[in-house]
Protein backbone atom coordinates (compact mmCIF):
# COMPACT_ATOMS: atom_id res chain seq x y z
CA MET A 1 -78.33 -30.13 -18.09
CA LYS A 2 -76.01 -27.47 -19.45
CA GLU A 3 -77.46 -24.93 -17.04
CA LEU A 4 -77.14 -27.37 -14.14
CA ARG A 5 -73.53 -28.12 -14.97
CA GLU A 6 -72.67 -24.48 -15.38
CA SER A 7 -74.39 -23.53 -12.12
CA GLY A 8 -72.48 -26.20 -10.24
CA ALA A 9 -75.66 -27.87 -9.02
CA ILE A 10 -74.62 -31.29 -10.34
CA ASP A 11 -71.22 -31.08 -8.67
CA ARG A 12 -72.83 -30.05 -5.39
CA ALA A 13 -75.29 -32.94 -5.62
CA VAL A 14 -72.49 -35.40 -6.34
CA ASP A 15 -70.43 -34.02 -3.45
CA ALA A 16 -73.42 -34.29 -1.12
CA GLY A 17 -74.04 -37.88 -2.21
CA ILE A 18 -70.41 -38.81 -1.63
CA GLY A 19 -70.53 -37.13 1.77
CA ARG A 20 -73.62 -39.12 2.80
CA PHE A 21 -72.00 -42.34 1.56
CA LEU A 22 -68.82 -41.69 3.55
CA GLU A 23 -70.84 -40.81 6.65
CA ARG A 24 -72.75 -44.10 6.37
CA GLN A 25 -69.47 -45.94 5.97
CA ARG A 26 -68.05 -44.29 9.09
CA ALA A 27 -71.21 -45.03 11.09
CA GLU A 28 -71.18 -48.68 10.02
CA ALA A 29 -67.48 -48.97 10.90
CA GLU A 30 -68.13 -47.50 14.35
CA GLN A 31 -70.99 -49.93 14.90
CA ARG A 32 -68.76 -52.87 13.89
CA GLU A 33 -66.05 -51.67 16.26
CA ARG A 34 -68.56 -51.40 19.11
CA ARG A 35 -69.90 -54.88 18.43
CA GLU A 36 -66.38 -56.30 18.29
CA ALA A 37 -65.46 -54.51 21.52
CA ASP A 38 -68.55 -55.91 23.23
CA THR A 39 -67.70 -59.40 22.00
CA ARG A 40 -64.15 -59.19 23.34
CA ALA A 41 -65.27 -57.66 26.64
CA ALA A 42 -67.67 -60.56 27.12
CA LYS A 43 -64.58 -62.81 27.36
CA LEU A 44 -63.62 -61.11 30.63
CA ARG A 45 -62.46 -63.56 33.28
CA PRO A 46 -65.12 -63.83 35.99
CA VAL A 47 -64.36 -61.99 39.21
CA SER A 48 -63.18 -64.19 42.06
CA LYS A 49 -63.36 -62.94 45.64
CA GLY A 50 -60.59 -65.35 46.52
CA ARG A 51 -58.21 -64.15 43.80
CA ASP A 52 -59.08 -60.61 42.78
CA HIS A 53 -58.32 -57.37 44.58
CA ILE A 54 -61.70 -55.81 45.31
CA ARG A 55 -62.37 -52.33 46.63
CA GLY A 56 -65.82 -51.40 47.88
CA ASN A 57 -68.75 -53.67 48.60
CA PRO A 58 -67.68 -57.19 47.50
CA ASP A 59 -71.31 -57.95 46.61
CA ALA A 60 -72.02 -54.71 44.72
CA PRO A 61 -74.32 -55.15 41.70
CA VAL A 62 -71.94 -53.34 39.34
CA THR A 63 -68.27 -54.17 38.88
CA LEU A 64 -65.57 -52.04 37.29
CA VAL A 65 -62.63 -54.23 36.29
CA GLU A 66 -59.54 -52.15 35.56
CA TYR A 67 -56.39 -53.46 33.87
CA SER A 68 -53.64 -51.08 34.86
CA ASP A 69 -49.90 -50.39 34.61
CA PHE A 70 -48.23 -48.79 37.63
CA GLU A 71 -45.91 -46.81 35.33
CA CYS A 72 -48.72 -45.43 33.17
CA PRO A 73 -49.44 -41.71 33.70
CA PHE A 74 -53.01 -42.18 32.47
CA CYS A 75 -53.56 -44.94 35.03
CA LYS A 76 -52.21 -42.56 37.65
CA SER A 77 -54.77 -39.91 36.68
CA PHE A 78 -57.62 -42.46 36.39
CA HIS A 79 -56.99 -43.99 39.82
CA PRO A 80 -58.70 -41.22 41.84
CA THR A 81 -61.56 -41.15 39.32
CA VAL A 82 -62.45 -44.78 40.01
CA LYS A 83 -61.96 -44.29 43.74
CA LYS A 84 -64.49 -41.45 43.63
CA LEU A 85 -66.95 -43.60 41.69
CA VAL A 86 -66.74 -46.36 44.30
CA ASP A 87 -66.83 -44.00 47.29
CA GLU A 88 -69.89 -42.17 45.98
CA SER A 89 -71.78 -45.26 44.80
CA GLY A 90 -73.33 -46.13 48.15
CA GLY A 91 -72.08 -49.69 47.93
CA ARG A 92 -73.41 -50.23 44.41
CA VAL A 93 -70.04 -50.37 42.64
CA ARG A 94 -67.00 -52.51 43.34
CA TRP A 95 -63.57 -51.98 41.79
CA VAL A 96 -61.42 -54.90 40.68
CA TYR A 97 -57.77 -54.14 39.93
CA ARG A 98 -55.83 -56.37 37.54
CA HIS A 99 -52.36 -55.97 36.08
CA PHE A 100 -51.51 -54.97 32.53
CA PRO A 101 -47.83 -53.94 32.51
CA LEU A 102 -46.91 -52.61 29.07
CA ASP A 103 -43.45 -54.10 28.72
CA ASP A 104 -42.68 -52.40 25.40
CA ILE A 105 -43.20 -48.97 26.96
CA HIS A 106 -42.31 -49.63 30.59
CA PRO A 107 -39.82 -52.52 30.59
CA VAL A 108 -38.87 -54.20 33.88
CA LYS A 109 -40.25 -51.55 36.23
CA ALA A 110 -43.98 -51.91 35.56
CA ARG A 111 -43.90 -55.68 35.95
CA LYS A 112 -41.78 -55.53 39.10
CA GLU A 113 -44.12 -52.95 40.60
CA ALA A 114 -47.06 -55.21 39.84
CA VAL A 115 -45.28 -58.06 41.61
CA ALA A 116 -44.53 -55.74 44.54
CA SER A 117 -48.24 -54.99 44.90
CA GLU A 118 -48.92 -58.73 45.01
CA CYS A 119 -46.30 -59.09 47.72
CA ALA A 120 -48.10 -56.38 49.66
CA ALA A 121 -51.32 -58.37 49.31
CA GLU A 122 -49.58 -61.58 50.36
CA LEU A 123 -48.14 -60.01 53.50
CA GLY A 124 -50.94 -57.64 54.46
CA GLY A 125 -54.10 -58.77 52.69
CA ASN A 126 -56.51 -56.88 50.46
CA ASP A 127 -56.23 -53.63 52.44
CA ALA A 128 -52.45 -53.64 52.05
CA PHE A 129 -52.78 -54.09 48.30
CA TRP A 130 -54.95 -50.99 47.98
CA LYS A 131 -52.76 -48.99 50.34
CA PHE A 132 -49.79 -49.91 48.17
CA ALA A 133 -51.58 -48.93 44.96
CA ASP A 134 -52.84 -45.62 46.38
CA ARG A 135 -49.46 -44.65 47.75
CA PHE A 136 -47.56 -45.73 44.65
CA PHE A 137 -49.67 -43.59 42.32
CA GLU A 138 -49.53 -40.73 44.79
CA LEU A 139 -45.77 -40.85 45.21
CA THR A 140 -44.28 -41.73 41.83
CA PRO A 141 -43.86 -39.73 38.59
CA SER A 142 -44.68 -42.48 36.01
CA ASN A 143 -42.97 -43.36 32.72
CA ASN A 144 -39.88 -45.14 34.07
CA ARG A 145 -38.72 -42.27 36.27
CA THR A 146 -39.26 -44.15 39.53
CA ASP A 147 -36.28 -45.40 41.53
CA ILE A 148 -37.96 -48.69 42.39
CA ASP A 149 -35.05 -49.91 44.52
CA ALA A 150 -35.75 -47.03 46.89
CA VAL A 151 -39.49 -46.49 46.45
CA LEU A 152 -40.80 -50.05 46.78
CA PRO A 153 -39.19 -50.68 50.20
CA GLN A 154 -40.29 -47.20 51.28
CA ILE A 155 -43.94 -47.88 50.50
CA ALA A 156 -43.76 -51.31 52.10
CA ARG A 157 -42.41 -49.70 55.27
CA GLU A 158 -45.04 -46.93 55.23
CA ILE A 159 -47.93 -49.39 55.01
CA GLY A 160 -46.54 -51.56 57.78
CA LEU A 161 -45.04 -54.54 55.96
CA ASP A 162 -42.06 -56.48 57.20
CA LYS A 163 -39.02 -55.28 55.25
CA ALA A 164 -37.21 -58.61 55.05
CA ARG A 165 -40.29 -60.62 54.09
CA PHE A 166 -41.22 -58.06 51.45
CA ALA A 167 -37.74 -58.20 49.92
CA SER A 168 -37.81 -62.00 49.98
CA CYS A 169 -41.19 -62.06 48.23
CA LEU A 170 -39.98 -59.67 45.53
CA ALA A 171 -36.95 -61.83 44.84
CA SER A 172 -38.89 -65.11 44.81
CA GLY A 173 -40.76 -64.63 41.52
CA ARG A 174 -43.78 -66.45 42.88
CA HIS A 175 -46.21 -63.75 41.71
CA ASP A 176 -44.81 -63.46 38.18
CA ARG A 177 -47.36 -65.92 36.80
CA ARG A 178 -50.25 -64.03 38.38
CA VAL A 179 -49.18 -60.80 36.69
CA ALA A 180 -48.71 -62.56 33.34
CA GLU A 181 -52.18 -64.14 33.56
CA ASP A 182 -53.78 -60.76 34.25
CA ALA A 183 -51.98 -59.23 31.26
CA GLN A 184 -53.18 -62.04 28.99
CA ASP A 185 -56.73 -61.57 30.26
CA ALA A 186 -56.49 -57.88 29.41
CA VAL A 187 -55.56 -58.64 25.81
CA THR A 188 -58.20 -61.37 25.47
CA SER A 189 -60.92 -58.99 26.67
CA GLY A 190 -59.89 -56.32 24.15
CA GLY A 191 -57.27 -54.27 25.97
CA ARG A 192 -54.78 -52.50 23.72
CA GLY A 193 -53.48 -49.92 26.17
CA THR A 194 -53.90 -48.72 29.73
CA PRO A 195 -56.01 -48.13 31.60
CA TRP A 196 -58.39 -50.65 30.07
CA SER A 197 -61.61 -51.07 32.02
CA ILE A 198 -64.80 -53.04 31.65
CA ILE A 199 -67.93 -52.21 33.61
CA VAL A 200 -70.16 -55.22 34.27
CA SER A 201 -73.83 -55.11 35.26
CA LYS A 202 -75.45 -57.53 37.68
CA GLY A 203 -76.87 -59.39 34.69
CA GLY A 204 -73.45 -59.71 33.07
CA ARG A 205 -73.71 -57.07 30.36
CA THR A 206 -70.35 -55.42 29.68
CA TYR A 207 -69.51 -51.80 28.94
CA PRO A 208 -65.91 -51.30 27.69
CA LEU A 209 -64.12 -48.16 28.84
CA ALA A 210 -60.77 -47.43 27.18
CA GLY A 211 -58.33 -44.87 28.53
CA ALA A 212 -58.42 -42.43 31.42
CA GLN A 213 -61.94 -41.22 30.80
CA PRO A 214 -63.30 -38.32 32.87
CA TYR A 215 -65.51 -38.95 35.86
CA ALA A 216 -68.71 -38.00 34.00
CA ALA A 217 -68.06 -40.51 31.20
CA ALA A 218 -67.28 -43.35 33.59
CA LYS A 219 -70.28 -42.53 35.77
CA GLN A 220 -72.58 -42.56 32.74
CA LEU A 221 -71.60 -46.15 31.96
CA VAL A 222 -71.97 -47.10 35.61
CA GLU A 223 -75.51 -45.68 35.61
CA LEU A 224 -76.34 -47.68 32.48
CA ALA A 225 -75.03 -50.83 34.16
CA LEU A 226 -77.06 -50.09 37.30
CA GLU A 227 -80.23 -49.92 35.19
CA GLU A 228 -79.62 -53.45 33.89
CA LYS A 229 -81.57 -56.13 35.71
């Protein structure tokens, strides 16, 4: 024992044992977090063709539901990633956009922009919603630097909406509840920031996707969902 202590072998063995214990603890914590995330994601509100904004094949076997904030720079960078996924899926993936304005970070503007997108949908249908979203992310700098009084009417004009009706819709507040419901759904399903996405297989299995993940990571989850029967 004296030789072992003096050689440091006991200390190394103890350190190794502690290291293995901590690694097991970390692995178990990660597994718990994944299970909890799956449980929350399973509470996702079912997709409704009559209510939701859907891009791609409405009957695609895999759905990517994204909760997004128009002022979020990560949402801005993730937007073309999801568009590429849908465009290259051959009709196997549909994209559902829902609102998750982070009022603490992006007060007033994010929620008003969400309402503006709903006004675009009201006046021009599903295509107008997506044209608004595409153009907004393309045109604006994110993080509360957008002059919404100038930009929102500009985008409405560019995508062919009636200026007066768009302004009236914005002022009416009739889409405020819709935006609030989406935001609550985001939290219920496990969203803590934006973008918060959930990929859903045809059989209903969910794959949470937090943040602006790269194309390869998102595609990997899509492929897993496509393998589900």
